Amino acid sequence: MINLQGGTDLREAHLRAPFRVYLQTDTTTSELRLANGDEHTRRAFADHHVIVANGDNFGAPDAACR
């Protein structure tokens, strides 16, 4: 199951999915929430097997845009 930007709060039926991916498109918002102790965000991340972000290479020397 792919949860785009955490748009779905997982319920019991979702948690039965054998593999759950949280696909982040705006990493800054959720990272700031985590840093400030936001329990909803922490729980949302914990409900997934993998968290994927599309901005991991931004600003790096080998990134397409800087």
PDB file of N, CA and C in Angstrom:
ATOM      1  N   MET A   1       0.840  -1.154   0.000  1.00  0.00           N
ATOM      2  CA  MET A   1       0.000   0.000   0.000  1.00  0.00           C
ATOM      3  C   MET A   1       0.900   1.237   0.000  1.00  0.00           C
ATOM      4  N   ILE A   2       0.585   2.204  -0.814  1.00  0.00           N
ATOM      5  CA  ILE A   2       1.331   3.463  -0.844  1.00  0.00           C
ATOM      6  C   ILE A   2       0.439   4.560  -0.291  1.00  0.00           C
ATOM      7  N   ASN A   3       0.945   5.252   0.712  1.00  0.00           N
ATOM      8  CA  ASN A   3       0.230   6.354   1.341  1.00  0.00           C
ATOM      9  C   ASN A   3       0.952   7.642   0.936  1.00  0.00           C
ATOM     10  N   LEU A   4       0.379   8.354  -0.017  1.00  0.00           N
ATOM     11  CA  LEU A   4       1.009   9.559  -0.550  1.00  0.00           C
ATOM     12  C   LEU A   4       0.893  10.706   0.440  1.00  0.00           C
ATOM     13  N   GLN A   5       2.022  11.160   0.912  1.00  0.00           N
ATOM     14  CA  GLN A   5       2.149  12.295   1.827  1.00  0.00           C
ATOM     15  C   GLN A   5       1.330  12.119   3.107  1.00  0.00           C
ATOM     16  N   GLY A   6       1.056  10.861   3.460  1.00  0.00           N
ATOM     17  CA  GLY A   6       0.303  10.626   4.691  1.00  0.00           C
ATOM     18  C   GLY A   6      -1.124  11.106   4.596  1.00  0.00           C
ATOM     19  N   GLY A   7      -1.654  11.160   3.382  1.00  0.00           N
ATOM     20  CA  GLY A   7      -3.009  11.646   3.182  1.00  0.00           C
ATOM     21  C   GLY A   7      -4.087  10.769   3.803  1.00  0.00           C
ATOM     22  N   THR A   8      -3.700   9.569   4.187  1.00  0.00           N
ATOM     23  CA  THR A   8      -4.640   8.658   4.811  1.00  0.00           C
ATOM     24  C   THR A   8      -4.134   8.274   6.192  1.00  0.00           C
ATOM     25  N   ASP A   9      -4.942   8.509   7.213  1.00  0.00           N
ATOM     26  CA  ASP A   9      -4.631   7.979   8.535  1.00  0.00           C
ATOM     27  C   ASP A   9      -5.024   6.508   8.494  1.00  0.00           C
ATOM     28  N   LEU A  10      -4.063   5.634   8.741  1.00  0.00           N
ATOM     29  CA  LEU A  10      -4.317   4.211   8.587  1.00  0.00           C
ATOM     30  C   LEU A  10      -5.272   3.686   9.646  1.00  0.00           C
ATOM     31  N   ARG A  11      -6.234   2.914   9.158  1.00  0.00           N
ATOM     32  CA  ARG A  11      -7.194   2.241  10.027  1.00  0.00           C
ATOM     33  C   ARG A  11      -6.853   0.756  10.044  1.00  0.00           C
ATOM     34  N   GLU A  12      -7.633   0.002  10.784  1.00  0.00           N
ATOM     35  CA  GLU A  12      -7.357  -1.421  10.954  1.00  0.00           C
ATOM     36  C   GLU A  12      -7.216  -2.151   9.615  1.00  0.00           C
ATOM     37  N   ALA A  13      -8.099  -1.871   8.678  1.00  0.00           N
ATOM     38  CA  ALA A  13      -8.036  -2.527   7.368  1.00  0.00           C
ATOM     39  C   ALA A  13      -6.731  -2.201   6.646  1.00  0.00           C
ATOM     40  N   HIS A  14      -6.271  -0.958   6.736  1.00  0.00           N
ATOM     41  CA  HIS A  14      -5.012  -0.564   6.097  1.00  0.00           C
ATOM     42  C   HIS A  14      -3.830  -1.284   6.738  1.00  0.00           C
ATOM     43  N   LEU A  15      -3.885  -1.428   8.046  1.00  0.00           N
ATOM     44  CA  LEU A  15      -2.771  -2.042   8.778  1.00  0.00           C
ATOM     45  C   LEU A  15      -2.609  -3.521   8.444  1.00  0.00           C
ATOM     46  N   ARG A  16      -3.599  -4.124   7.816  1.00  0.00           N
ATOM     47  CA  ARG A  16      -3.479  -5.517   7.387  1.00  0.00           C
ATOM     48  C   ARG A  16      -2.699  -5.649   6.080  1.00  0.00           C
ATOM     49  N   ALA A  17      -2.439  -4.544   5.405  1.00  0.00           N
ATOM     50  CA  ALA A  17      -1.647  -4.602   4.168  1.00  0.00           C
ATOM     51  C   ALA A  17      -0.256  -5.140   4.516  1.00  0.00           C
ATOM     52  N   PRO A  18       0.259  -6.083   3.747  1.00  0.00           N
ATOM     53  CA  PRO A  18       1.527  -6.718   4.104  1.00  0.00           C
ATOM     54  C   PRO A  18       2.744  -5.795   3.994  1.00  0.00           C
ATOM     55  N   PHE A  19       2.617  -4.722   3.219  1.00  0.00           N
ATOM     56  CA  PHE A  19       3.751  -3.797   3.082  1.00  0.00           C
ATOM     57  C   PHE A  19       3.199  -2.396   2.863  1.00  0.00           C
ATOM     58  N   ARG A  20       3.519  -1.491   3.776  1.00  0.00           N
ATOM     59  CA  ARG A  20       2.981  -0.132   3.735  1.00  0.00           C
ATOM     60  C   ARG A  20       4.113   0.880   3.545  1.00  0.00           C
ATOM     61  N   VAL A  21       3.962   1.717   2.518  1.00  0.00           N
ATOM     62  CA  VAL A  21       4.966   2.728   2.177  1.00  0.00           C
ATOM     63  C   VAL A  21       4.369   4.112   2.383  1.00  0.00           C
ATOM     64  N   TYR A  22       5.084   4.945   3.101  1.00  0.00           N
ATOM     65  CA  TYR A  22       4.721   6.352   3.273  1.00  0.00           C
ATOM     66  C   TYR A  22       5.591   7.123   2.286  1.00  0.00           C
ATOM     67  N   LEU A  23       4.981   7.684   1.251  1.00  0.00           N
ATOM     68  CA  LEU A  23       5.709   8.403   0.213  1.00  0.00           C
ATOM     69  C   LEU A  23       5.592   9.896   0.467  1.00  0.00           C
ATOM     70  N   GLN A  24       6.702  10.499   0.868  1.00  0.00           N
ATOM     71  CA  GLN A  24       6.716  11.927   1.183  1.00  0.00           C
ATOM     72  C   GLN A  24       7.029  12.745  -0.054  1.00  0.00           C
ATOM     73  N   THR A  25       6.273  13.806  -0.248  1.00  0.00           N
ATOM     74  CA  THR A  25       6.567  14.745  -1.328  1.00  0.00           C
ATOM     75  C   THR A  25       7.009  16.097  -0.771  1.00  0.00           C
ATOM     76  N   ASP A  26       6.792  16.325   0.502  1.00  0.00           N
ATOM     77  CA  ASP A  26       7.218  17.556   1.172  1.00  0.00           C
ATOM     78  C   ASP A  26       7.833  17.157   2.509  1.00  0.00           C
ATOM     79  N   THR A  27       9.105  16.814   2.467  1.00  0.00           N
ATOM     80  CA  THR A  27       9.749  16.266   3.658  1.00  0.00           C
ATOM     81  C   THR A  27       9.901  17.289   4.772  1.00  0.00           C
ATOM     82  N   THR A  28      10.012  18.538   4.443  1.00  0.00           N
ATOM     83  CA  THR A  28      10.270  19.560   5.458  1.00  0.00           C
ATOM     84  C   THR A  28       9.165  19.620   6.500  1.00  0.00           C
ATOM     85  N   THR A  29       7.932  19.617   6.061  1.00  0.00           N
ATOM     86  CA  THR A  29       6.812  19.743   7.000  1.00  0.00           C
ATOM     87  C   THR A  29       6.801  18.616   8.021  1.00  0.00           C
ATOM     88  N   SER A  30       6.871  17.385   7.550  1.00  0.00           N
ATOM     89  CA  SER A  30       6.803  16.262   8.494  1.00  0.00           C
ATOM     90  C   SER A  30       8.053  16.172   9.359  1.00  0.00           C
ATOM     91  N   GLU A  31       9.208  16.505   8.817  1.00  0.00           N
ATOM     92  CA  GLU A  31      10.432  16.477   9.623  1.00  0.00           C
ATOM     93  C   GLU A  31      10.374  17.517  10.737  1.00  0.00           C
ATOM     94  N   LEU A  32       9.851  18.690  10.444  1.00  0.00           N
ATOM     95  CA  LEU A  32       9.695  19.715  11.478  1.00  0.00           C
ATOM     96  C   LEU A  32       8.684  19.276  12.534  1.00  0.00           C
ATOM     97  N   ARG A  33       7.607  18.650  12.085  1.00  0.00           N
ATOM     98  CA  ARG A  33       6.625  18.144  13.049  1.00  0.00           C
ATOM     99  C   ARG A  33       7.250  17.104  13.970  1.00  0.00           C
ATOM    100  N   LEU A  34       8.021  16.182  13.399  1.00  0.00           N
ATOM    101  CA  LEU A  34       8.700  15.179  14.223  1.00  0.00           C
ATOM    102  C   LEU A  34       9.656  15.838  15.210  1.00  0.00           C
ATOM    103  N   ALA A  35      10.423  16.794  14.737  1.00  0.00           N
ATOM    104  CA  ALA A  35      11.395  17.478  15.596  1.00  0.00           C
ATOM    105  C   ALA A  35      10.719  18.207  16.753  1.00  0.00           C
ATOM    106  N   ASN A  36       9.465  18.611  16.536  1.00  0.00           N
ATOM    107  CA  ASN A  36       8.717  19.310  17.584  1.00  0.00           C
ATOM    108  C   ASN A  36       7.833  18.370  18.404  1.00  0.00           C
ATOM    109  N   GLY A  37       8.039  17.062  18.235  1.00  0.00           N
ATOM    110  CA  GLY A  37       7.358  16.089  19.068  1.00  0.00           C
ATOM    111  C   GLY A  37       5.917  15.795  18.698  1.00  0.00           C
ATOM    112  N   ASP A  38       5.543  16.024  17.439  1.00  0.00           N
ATOM    113  CA  ASP A  38       4.163  15.790  17.018  1.00  0.00           C
ATOM    114  C   ASP A  38       3.846  14.289  17.038  1.00  0.00           C
ATOM    115  N   GLU A  39       2.967  13.885  17.923  1.00  0.00           N
ATOM    116  CA  GLU A  39       2.621  12.478  18.112  1.00  0.00           C
ATOM    117  C   GLU A  39       1.879  11.895  16.914  1.00  0.00           C
ATOM    118  N   HIS A  40       1.028  12.675  16.261  1.00  0.00           N
ATOM    119  CA  HIS A  40       0.298  12.191  15.092  1.00  0.00           C
ATOM    120  C   HIS A  40       1.264  11.789  13.979  1.00  0.00           C
ATOM    121  N   THR A  41       2.262  12.625  13.716  1.00  0.00           N
ATOM    122  CA  THR A  41       3.248  12.325  12.675  1.00  0.00           C
ATOM    123  C   THR A  41       4.084  11.111  13.066  1.00  0.00           C
ATOM    124  N   ARG A  42       4.507  11.032  14.315  1.00  0.00           N
ATOM    125  CA  ARG A  42       5.303   9.888  14.771  1.00  0.00           C
ATOM    126  C   ARG A  42       4.518   8.587  14.595  1.00  0.00           C
ATOM    127  N   ARG A  43       3.255   8.609  14.957  1.00  0.00           N
ATOM    128  CA  ARG A  43       2.407   7.424  14.839  1.00  0.00           C
ATOM    129  C   ARG A  43       2.193   7.061  13.368  1.00  0.00           C
ATOM    130  N   ALA A  44       1.974   8.071  12.535  1.00  0.00           N
ATOM    131  CA  ALA A  44       1.777   7.833  11.102  1.00  0.00           C
ATOM    132  C   ALA A  44       3.003   7.162  10.494  1.00  0.00           C
ATOM    133  N   PHE A  45       4.193   7.638  10.824  1.00  0.00           N
ATOM    134  CA  PHE A  45       5.422   7.025  10.317  1.00  0.00           C
ATOM    135  C   PHE A  45       5.563   5.601  10.839  1.00  0.00           C
ATOM    136  N   ALA A  46       5.263   5.394  12.110  1.00  0.00           N
ATOM    137  CA  ALA A  46       5.421   4.076  12.734  1.00  0.00           C
ATOM    138  C   ALA A  46       4.495   3.037  12.116  1.00  0.00           C
ATOM    139  N   ASP A  47       3.380   3.471  11.530  1.00  0.00           N
ATOM    140  CA  ASP A  47       2.423   2.546  10.929  1.00  0.00           C
ATOM    141  C   ASP A  47       2.858   2.039   9.552  1.00  0.00           C
ATOM    142  N   HIS A  48       3.990   2.499   9.061  1.00  0.00           N
ATOM    143  CA  HIS A  48       4.475   2.108   7.739  1.00  0.00           C
ATOM    144  C   HIS A  48       5.782   1.330   7.868  1.00  0.00           C
ATOM    145  N   HIS A  49       6.024   0.460   6.907  1.00  0.00           N
ATOM    146  CA  HIS A  49       7.269  -0.313   6.895  1.00  0.00           C
ATOM    147  C   HIS A  49       8.440   0.505   6.358  1.00  0.00           C
ATOM    148  N   VAL A  50       8.147   1.383   5.397  1.00  0.00           N
ATOM    149  CA  VAL A  50       9.187   2.172   4.730  1.00  0.00           C
ATOM    150  C   VAL A  50       8.682   3.600   4.545  1.00  0.00           C
ATOM    151  N   ILE A  51       9.596   4.549   4.728  1.00  0.00           N
ATOM    152  CA  ILE A  51       9.296   5.950   4.430  1.00  0.00           C
ATOM    153  C   ILE A  51      10.220   6.368   3.299  1.00  0.00           C
ATOM    154  N   VAL A  52       9.632   6.851   2.211  1.00  0.00           N
ATOM    155  CA  VAL A  52      10.394   7.247   1.032  1.00  0.00           C
ATOM    156  C   VAL A  52      10.204   8.739   0.827  1.00  0.00           C
ATOM    157  N   ALA A  53      11.313   9.439   0.606  1.00  0.00           N
ATOM    158  CA  ALA A  53      11.263  10.883   0.371  1.00  0.00           C
ATOM    159  C   ALA A  53      11.906  11.190  -0.972  1.00  0.00           C
ATOM    160  N   ASN A  54      11.365  12.139  -1.683  1.00  0.00           N
ATOM    161  CA  ASN A  54      11.908  12.461  -2.998  1.00  0.00           C
ATOM    162  C   ASN A  54      12.903  13.616  -2.963  1.00  0.00           C
ATOM    163  N   GLY A  55      13.220  14.158  -1.818  1.00  0.00           N
ATOM    164  CA  GLY A  55      14.130  15.291  -1.756  1.00  0.00           C
ATOM    165  C   GLY A  55      15.452  14.989  -1.087  1.00  0.00           C
ATOM    166  N   ASP A  56      15.792  13.718  -0.954  1.00  0.00           N
ATOM    167  CA  ASP A  56      17.001  13.337  -0.214  1.00  0.00           C
ATOM    168  C   ASP A  56      18.282  13.886  -0.809  1.00  0.00           C
ATOM    169  N   ASN A  57      18.327  14.112  -2.101  1.00  0.00           N
ATOM    170  CA  ASN A  57      19.560  14.538  -2.751  1.00  0.00           C
ATOM    171  C   ASN A  57      19.566  16.037  -3.059  1.00  0.00           C
ATOM    172  N   PHE A  58      18.518  16.730  -2.688  1.00  0.00           N
ATOM    173  CA  PHE A  58      18.412  18.159  -3.006  1.00  0.00           C
ATOM    174  C   PHE A  58      19.563  18.937  -2.383  1.00  0.00           C
ATOM    175  N   GLY A  59      20.208  19.752  -3.184  1.00  0.00           N
ATOM    176  CA  GLY A  59      21.311  20.582  -2.709  1.00  0.00           C
ATOM    177  C   GLY A  59      22.664  19.910  -2.757  1.00  0.00           C
ATOM    178  N   ALA A  60      22.696  18.619  -3.022  1.00  0.00           N
ATOM    179  CA  ALA A  60      23.973  17.896  -3.128  1.00  0.00           C
ATOM    180  C   ALA A  60      24.673  18.279  -4.422  1.00  0.00           C
ATOM    181  N   PRO A  61      25.984  18.167  -4.447  1.00  0.00           N
ATOM    182  CA  PRO A  61      26.727  18.547  -5.658  1.00  0.00           C
ATOM    183  C   PRO A  61      26.261  17.807  -6.913  1.00  0.00           C
ATOM    184  N   ASP A  62      25.784  16.566  -6.772  1.00  0.00           N
ATOM    185  CA  ASP A  62      25.370  15.803  -7.935  1.00  0.00           C
ATOM    186  C   ASP A  62      23.861  15.884  -8.206  1.00  0.00           C
ATOM    187  N   ALA A  63      23.159  16.753  -7.511  1.00  0.00           N
ATOM    188  CA  ALA A  63      21.716  16.907  -7.732  1.00  0.00           C
ATOM    189  C   ALA A  63      21.453  17.668  -9.021  1.00  0.00           C
ATOM    190  N   ALA A  64      20.327  17.343  -9.656  1.00  0.00           N
ATOM    191  CA  ALA A  64      19.981  18.018 -10.909  1.00  0.00           C
ATOM    192  C   ALA A  64      19.678  19.494 -10.681  1.00  0.00           C
ATOM    193  N   CYS A  65      19.106  19.836  -9.535  1.00  0.00           N
ATOM    194  CA  CYS A  65      18.830  21.243  -9.230  1.00  0.00           C
ATOM    195  C   CYS A  65      19.407  21.551  -7.848  1.00  0.00           C
ATOM    196  N   ARG A  66      19.888  22.740  -7.684  1.00  0.00           N
ATOM    197  CA  ARG A  66      20.524  23.116  -6.400  1.00  0.00           C
ATOM    198  C   ARG A  66      19.950  24.391  -5.895  1.00  0.00           C
TER     199      ARG A  66
END
